[in-house]
N, C-alpha and C. Protein backbone atom coordinates (compact mmCIF):
# COMPACT_ATOMS: atom_id res chain seq x y z
N MET A 1 -53.47 3.47 -36.45
CA MET A 1 -52.99 2.10 -36.50
C MET A 1 -51.71 2.07 -37.35
N ASP A 2 -50.65 1.58 -36.76
CA ASP A 2 -49.39 1.39 -37.49
C ASP A 2 -49.32 -0.09 -37.85
N ILE A 3 -49.60 -0.40 -39.10
CA ILE A 3 -49.72 -1.79 -39.55
C ILE A 3 -48.43 -2.58 -39.35
N ILE A 4 -47.28 -1.93 -39.47
CA ILE A 4 -46.01 -2.64 -39.27
C ILE A 4 -45.88 -3.06 -37.81
N LYS A 5 -46.29 -2.20 -36.87
CA LYS A 5 -46.23 -2.55 -35.45
C LYS A 5 -47.24 -3.63 -35.10
N VAL A 6 -48.43 -3.53 -35.64
CA VAL A 6 -49.46 -4.53 -35.37
C VAL A 6 -48.99 -5.90 -35.88
N PHE A 7 -48.50 -5.93 -37.10
CA PHE A 7 -48.05 -7.19 -37.69
C PHE A 7 -46.88 -7.78 -36.89
N GLY A 8 -45.87 -6.96 -36.62
CA GLY A 8 -44.70 -7.44 -35.88
C GLY A 8 -45.05 -7.93 -34.49
N SER A 9 -45.94 -7.22 -33.81
CA SER A 9 -46.37 -7.63 -32.47
C SER A 9 -47.10 -8.96 -32.51
N ASN A 10 -47.96 -9.13 -33.50
CA ASN A 10 -48.71 -10.38 -33.62
C ASN A 10 -47.80 -11.55 -33.98
N VAL A 11 -46.84 -11.33 -34.84
CA VAL A 11 -45.89 -12.41 -35.16
C VAL A 11 -45.17 -12.85 -33.89
N ARG A 12 -44.66 -11.89 -33.13
CA ARG A 12 -43.97 -12.23 -31.87
C ARG A 12 -44.90 -12.95 -30.91
N LYS A 13 -46.14 -12.45 -30.78
CA LYS A 13 -47.10 -13.06 -29.84
C LYS A 13 -47.35 -14.53 -30.19
N TYR A 14 -47.67 -14.79 -31.45
CA TYR A 14 -47.96 -16.18 -31.85
C TYR A 14 -46.72 -17.06 -31.76
N ARG A 15 -45.57 -16.52 -32.12
CA ARG A 15 -44.33 -17.30 -32.07
C ARG A 15 -43.98 -17.67 -30.63
N THR A 16 -44.07 -16.70 -29.72
CA THR A 16 -43.71 -16.98 -28.33
C THR A 16 -44.76 -17.86 -27.65
N GLN A 17 -46.02 -17.75 -28.05
CA GLN A 17 -47.05 -18.64 -27.50
C GLN A 17 -46.73 -20.10 -27.83
N GLN A 18 -46.12 -20.30 -28.99
CA GLN A 18 -45.76 -21.65 -29.41
C GLN A 18 -44.37 -22.06 -28.93
N LYS A 19 -43.71 -21.14 -28.18
CA LYS A 19 -42.39 -21.40 -27.62
C LYS A 19 -41.36 -21.78 -28.68
N ILE A 20 -41.38 -21.02 -29.77
CA ILE A 20 -40.45 -21.23 -30.88
C ILE A 20 -39.46 -20.08 -30.90
N SER A 21 -38.17 -20.40 -30.98
CA SER A 21 -37.15 -19.35 -31.06
C SER A 21 -37.24 -18.66 -32.42
N GLN A 22 -36.67 -17.46 -32.50
CA GLN A 22 -36.63 -16.76 -33.78
C GLN A 22 -35.88 -17.58 -34.81
N GLU A 23 -34.80 -18.21 -34.37
CA GLU A 23 -33.99 -19.00 -35.30
C GLU A 23 -34.78 -20.18 -35.88
N LYS A 24 -35.45 -20.92 -35.02
CA LYS A 24 -36.24 -22.07 -35.47
C LYS A 24 -37.41 -21.61 -36.33
N PHE A 25 -38.05 -20.53 -35.92
CA PHE A 25 -39.18 -20.00 -36.68
C PHE A 25 -38.74 -19.56 -38.07
N ALA A 26 -37.63 -18.86 -38.14
CA ALA A 26 -37.10 -18.42 -39.43
C ALA A 26 -36.83 -19.61 -40.33
N GLU A 27 -36.28 -20.66 -39.75
CA GLU A 27 -36.02 -21.89 -40.51
C GLU A 27 -37.33 -22.47 -41.03
N ASN A 28 -38.36 -22.50 -40.19
CA ASN A 28 -39.67 -23.02 -40.60
C ASN A 28 -40.28 -22.20 -41.74
N CYS A 29 -39.99 -20.90 -41.75
CA CYS A 29 -40.52 -20.00 -42.79
C CYS A 29 -39.67 -20.00 -44.05
N GLY A 30 -38.44 -20.47 -43.94
CA GLY A 30 -37.51 -20.36 -45.06
C GLY A 30 -36.95 -18.95 -45.20
N LEU A 31 -36.87 -18.24 -44.06
CA LEU A 31 -36.36 -16.88 -44.03
C LEU A 31 -35.17 -16.80 -43.08
N HIS A 32 -34.47 -15.68 -43.07
CA HIS A 32 -33.31 -15.52 -42.20
C HIS A 32 -33.76 -15.02 -40.83
N ARG A 33 -33.04 -15.40 -39.78
CA ARG A 33 -33.39 -15.00 -38.42
C ARG A 33 -33.41 -13.48 -38.26
N THR A 34 -32.46 -12.79 -38.86
CA THR A 34 -32.43 -11.33 -38.72
C THR A 34 -33.63 -10.68 -39.41
N TYR A 35 -34.16 -11.32 -40.44
CA TYR A 35 -35.37 -10.81 -41.11
C TYR A 35 -36.55 -10.89 -40.15
N ILE A 36 -36.68 -12.01 -39.45
CA ILE A 36 -37.76 -12.18 -38.46
C ILE A 36 -37.58 -11.17 -37.33
N SER A 37 -36.36 -10.99 -36.87
CA SER A 37 -36.08 -10.02 -35.82
C SER A 37 -36.47 -8.61 -36.26
N ASP A 38 -36.13 -8.24 -37.48
CA ASP A 38 -36.48 -6.92 -38.00
C ASP A 38 -38.00 -6.73 -38.07
N ILE A 39 -38.72 -7.78 -38.42
CA ILE A 39 -40.19 -7.70 -38.45
C ILE A 39 -40.73 -7.47 -37.04
N GLU A 40 -40.25 -8.25 -36.09
CA GLU A 40 -40.74 -8.16 -34.72
C GLU A 40 -40.33 -6.86 -34.03
N CYS A 41 -39.28 -6.21 -34.53
CA CYS A 41 -38.82 -4.93 -33.97
C CYS A 41 -39.30 -3.74 -34.80
N PHE A 42 -40.20 -4.00 -35.74
CA PHE A 42 -40.87 -2.97 -36.55
C PHE A 42 -39.91 -2.22 -37.47
N ARG A 43 -38.86 -2.89 -37.93
CA ARG A 43 -37.88 -2.23 -38.79
C ARG A 43 -37.96 -2.67 -40.24
N ARG A 44 -38.97 -3.42 -40.61
CA ARG A 44 -39.00 -3.93 -41.98
C ARG A 44 -40.43 -4.02 -42.48
N SER A 45 -40.62 -3.59 -43.70
CA SER A 45 -41.87 -3.86 -44.42
C SER A 45 -41.72 -5.26 -45.00
N ILE A 46 -42.82 -5.85 -45.39
CA ILE A 46 -42.77 -7.26 -45.76
C ILE A 46 -43.66 -7.51 -46.97
N SER A 47 -43.24 -8.42 -47.83
CA SER A 47 -44.00 -8.74 -49.03
C SER A 47 -45.18 -9.66 -48.69
N LEU A 48 -46.14 -9.68 -49.58
CA LEU A 48 -47.30 -10.56 -49.39
C LEU A 48 -46.90 -12.03 -49.36
N ASP A 49 -45.94 -12.40 -50.18
CA ASP A 49 -45.46 -13.80 -50.18
C ASP A 49 -44.92 -14.18 -48.81
N ASN A 50 -44.12 -13.29 -48.22
CA ASN A 50 -43.54 -13.60 -46.92
C ASN A 50 -44.57 -13.55 -45.80
N ILE A 51 -45.57 -12.70 -45.93
CA ILE A 51 -46.66 -12.68 -44.95
C ILE A 51 -47.34 -14.04 -44.94
N GLN A 52 -47.60 -14.59 -46.11
CA GLN A 52 -48.25 -15.90 -46.18
C GLN A 52 -47.35 -16.99 -45.62
N ARG A 53 -46.06 -16.94 -45.90
CA ARG A 53 -45.12 -17.93 -45.37
C ARG A 53 -45.11 -17.90 -43.84
N ILE A 54 -45.13 -16.70 -43.29
CA ILE A 54 -45.12 -16.54 -41.83
C ILE A 54 -46.42 -17.08 -41.23
N ALA A 55 -47.55 -16.72 -41.81
CA ALA A 55 -48.84 -17.22 -41.31
C ALA A 55 -48.89 -18.74 -41.37
N ASP A 56 -48.42 -19.32 -42.46
CA ASP A 56 -48.41 -20.78 -42.60
C ASP A 56 -47.53 -21.42 -41.54
N ALA A 57 -46.36 -20.85 -41.31
CA ALA A 57 -45.43 -21.40 -40.32
C ALA A 57 -45.99 -21.29 -38.91
N LEU A 58 -46.79 -20.24 -38.65
CA LEU A 58 -47.42 -20.08 -37.34
C LEU A 58 -48.69 -20.93 -37.21
N GLY A 59 -49.24 -21.34 -38.34
CA GLY A 59 -50.48 -22.11 -38.31
C GLY A 59 -51.68 -21.25 -37.97
N VAL A 60 -51.65 -19.98 -38.39
CA VAL A 60 -52.77 -19.07 -38.13
C VAL A 60 -53.29 -18.51 -39.45
N GLU A 61 -54.54 -18.07 -39.42
CA GLU A 61 -55.12 -17.41 -40.58
C GLU A 61 -54.37 -16.10 -40.79
N THR A 62 -54.08 -15.77 -42.02
CA THR A 62 -53.29 -14.58 -42.34
C THR A 62 -53.89 -13.31 -41.74
N TYR A 63 -55.19 -13.16 -41.81
CA TYR A 63 -55.82 -11.92 -41.34
C TYR A 63 -55.57 -11.68 -39.85
N LYS A 64 -55.36 -12.74 -39.06
CA LYS A 64 -55.15 -12.59 -37.62
C LYS A 64 -53.87 -11.82 -37.31
N LEU A 65 -52.92 -11.84 -38.24
CA LEU A 65 -51.67 -11.12 -38.02
C LEU A 65 -51.86 -9.61 -38.17
N PHE A 66 -53.03 -9.18 -38.64
CA PHE A 66 -53.31 -7.76 -38.85
C PHE A 66 -54.35 -7.21 -37.88
N LEU A 67 -54.80 -8.03 -36.93
CA LEU A 67 -55.80 -7.58 -35.98
C LEU A 67 -55.14 -6.85 -34.82
N GLU A 68 -55.60 -5.64 -34.58
CA GLU A 68 -55.06 -4.84 -33.48
C GLU A 68 -55.81 -5.17 -32.20
N GLU A 69 -55.07 -5.40 -31.15
CA GLU A 69 -55.72 -5.72 -29.87
C GLU A 69 -56.03 -4.48 -29.08
């Protein structure tokens, strides 16, 4: 299990299910669009604070972002 890939894939899945652009989502999280892009493309590790911000902006339980399908 590659946790960075699982997390990035889940962020993209939940974001696209809600039909939110990366730019709008980044704004909702208080993060930069390129930061969100890097997460979804598996190029960035992420802090616990930002994980929580992302989960809150998606409206999902934090643990769901770490579940491998």
